[in-house]
Amino acid sequence: MISIKNKSSATDRSFKKAVIFYKKQEYKKAMTIWLQLAKDNELDAQFNLGVMYFKGEGVIRNYEEAAKWYRKAALQGRKIIKQKNKELKSALKSSRFNPKSTK
């Protein structure tokens, strides 16, 4: 997970609330908040959704969905997100990963 401090106060409060849920492993609650923020083009929320889909936290592991959210965030220019997108592409090509598997 990542977090940047350049958010509006309302977005920042929502984002921090989602982080608290995430740390408590209340993934569905975190996802609900980040999904709304991500739809509003909030970069860190998009990235965190990618992480959750990649790891299967609160959802069935889904590399395609992870790639979708990483891509949206990557289009906003973050180096770390671009790197994670490259890692995901590599994982998708690797025979040791099964996109249908769950945690």
Protein backbone atom coordinates (compact mmCIF):
# COMPACT_ATOMS: atom_id res chain seq x y z
CA MET A 1 0.00 0.00 0.00
CA ILE A 2 1.05 3.57 -0.58
CA SER A 3 -0.21 6.90 0.57
CA ILE A 4 0.59 10.44 -0.54
CA LYS A 5 -0.11 13.55 1.49
CA ASN A 6 -1.24 15.71 -1.46
CA LYS A 7 -4.95 14.99 -1.08
CA SER A 8 -7.89 17.22 -0.28
CA SER A 9 -8.90 17.01 3.38
CA ALA A 10 -12.07 15.00 2.63
CA THR A 11 -10.18 12.60 0.35
CA ASP A 12 -7.39 12.34 2.90
CA ARG A 13 -9.84 11.45 5.68
CA SER A 14 -11.53 8.80 3.54
CA PHE A 15 -8.20 7.40 2.43
CA LYS A 16 -6.91 7.19 6.01
CA LYS A 17 -10.14 5.49 7.10
CA ALA A 18 -9.58 2.86 4.39
CA VAL A 19 -5.99 2.37 5.58
CA ILE A 20 -7.26 1.68 9.10
CA PHE A 21 -9.74 -0.89 7.75
CA TYR A 22 -7.00 -2.46 5.63
CA LYS A 23 -4.63 -2.77 8.60
CA LYS A 24 -7.43 -4.44 10.60
CA GLN A 25 -7.85 -6.83 7.65
CA GLU A 26 -11.35 -5.48 7.05
CA TYR A 27 -10.61 -5.59 3.35
CA LYS A 28 -14.14 -5.22 2.01
CA LYS A 29 -14.61 -1.96 3.94
CA ALA A 30 -11.25 -0.65 2.70
CA MET A 31 -12.09 -1.69 -0.83
CA THR A 32 -15.46 0.08 -0.77
CA ILE A 33 -13.79 3.38 0.13
CA TRP A 34 -10.85 2.97 -2.25
CA LEU A 35 -13.16 1.97 -5.09
CA GLN A 36 -15.07 5.24 -4.81
CA LEU A 37 -11.84 7.24 -4.56
CA ALA A 38 -10.34 5.31 -7.48
CA LYS A 39 -13.34 6.11 -9.65
CA ASP A 40 -12.57 9.76 -8.87
CA ASN A 41 -9.04 9.18 -10.24
CA GLU A 42 -7.35 9.03 -6.85
CA LEU A 43 -4.00 7.49 -7.75
CA ASP A 44 -3.15 5.80 -4.46
CA ALA A 45 -6.61 4.26 -4.20
CA GLN A 46 -6.23 2.85 -7.72
CA PHE A 47 -2.86 1.38 -6.80
CA ASN A 48 -4.16 -0.11 -3.56
CA LEU A 49 -7.05 -1.76 -5.38
CA GLY A 50 -4.47 -3.30 -7.68
CA VAL A 51 -2.58 -4.62 -4.66
CA MET A 52 -5.75 -6.09 -3.16
CA TYR A 53 -6.71 -7.88 -6.38
CA PHE A 54 -3.12 -9.07 -6.87
CA LYS A 55 -2.95 -10.52 -3.34
CA GLY A 56 -6.58 -11.65 -3.16
CA GLU A 57 -7.34 -9.54 -0.11
CA GLY A 58 -11.09 -9.31 0.38
CA VAL A 59 -11.66 -10.55 -3.16
CA ILE A 60 -10.81 -13.57 -5.25
CA ARG A 61 -7.28 -13.08 -6.59
CA ASN A 62 -7.65 -11.61 -10.06
CA TYR A 63 -4.54 -10.56 -11.97
CA GLU A 64 -6.51 -9.03 -14.80
CA GLU A 65 -8.40 -6.77 -12.40
CA ALA A 66 -5.14 -5.96 -10.62
CA ALA A 67 -3.62 -5.01 -13.96
CA LYS A 68 -6.58 -2.75 -14.74
CA TRP A 69 -6.11 -0.75 -11.54
CA TYR A 70 -2.31 -0.69 -11.78
CA ARG A 71 -2.64 0.58 -15.35
CA LYS A 72 -5.04 3.36 -14.36
CA ALA A 73 -2.63 4.46 -11.66
CA ALA A 74 0.41 4.06 -13.94
CA LEU A 75 -1.16 6.37 -16.48
CA GLN A 76 -0.89 9.03 -13.80
CA GLY A 77 2.89 8.63 -13.88
CA ARG A 78 4.06 7.04 -10.63
CA LYS A 79 7.35 5.14 -11.00
CA ILE A 80 6.53 2.59 -8.31
CA ILE A 81 3.23 1.82 -9.94
CA LYS A 82 4.86 1.39 -13.34
CA GLN A 83 7.31 -1.04 -11.73
CA LYS A 84 4.48 -3.02 -10.10
CA ASN A 85 2.71 -3.17 -13.45
CA LYS A 86 5.88 -4.67 -14.98
CA GLU A 87 6.04 -7.20 -12.13
CA LEU A 88 2.42 -8.10 -12.69
CA LYS A 89 2.96 -8.66 -16.42
CA SER A 90 5.87 -10.91 -15.57
CA ALA A 91 3.75 -12.81 -13.04
CA LEU A 92 0.98 -13.27 -15.61
CA LYS A 93 3.49 -14.83 -18.03
CA SER A 94 5.01 -17.08 -15.39
CA SER A 95 3.69 -20.60 -15.15
CA ARG A 96 3.96 -20.52 -11.35
CA PHE A 97 1.02 -18.09 -11.09
CA ASN A 98 -2.55 -19.17 -11.72
CA PRO A 99 -4.92 -16.22 -12.23
CA LYS A 100 -7.83 -18.29 -10.95
CA SER A 101 -6.17 -19.22 -7.65
CA THR A 102 -7.19 -17.73 -4.33
CA LYS A 103 -5.46 -17.16 -1.04
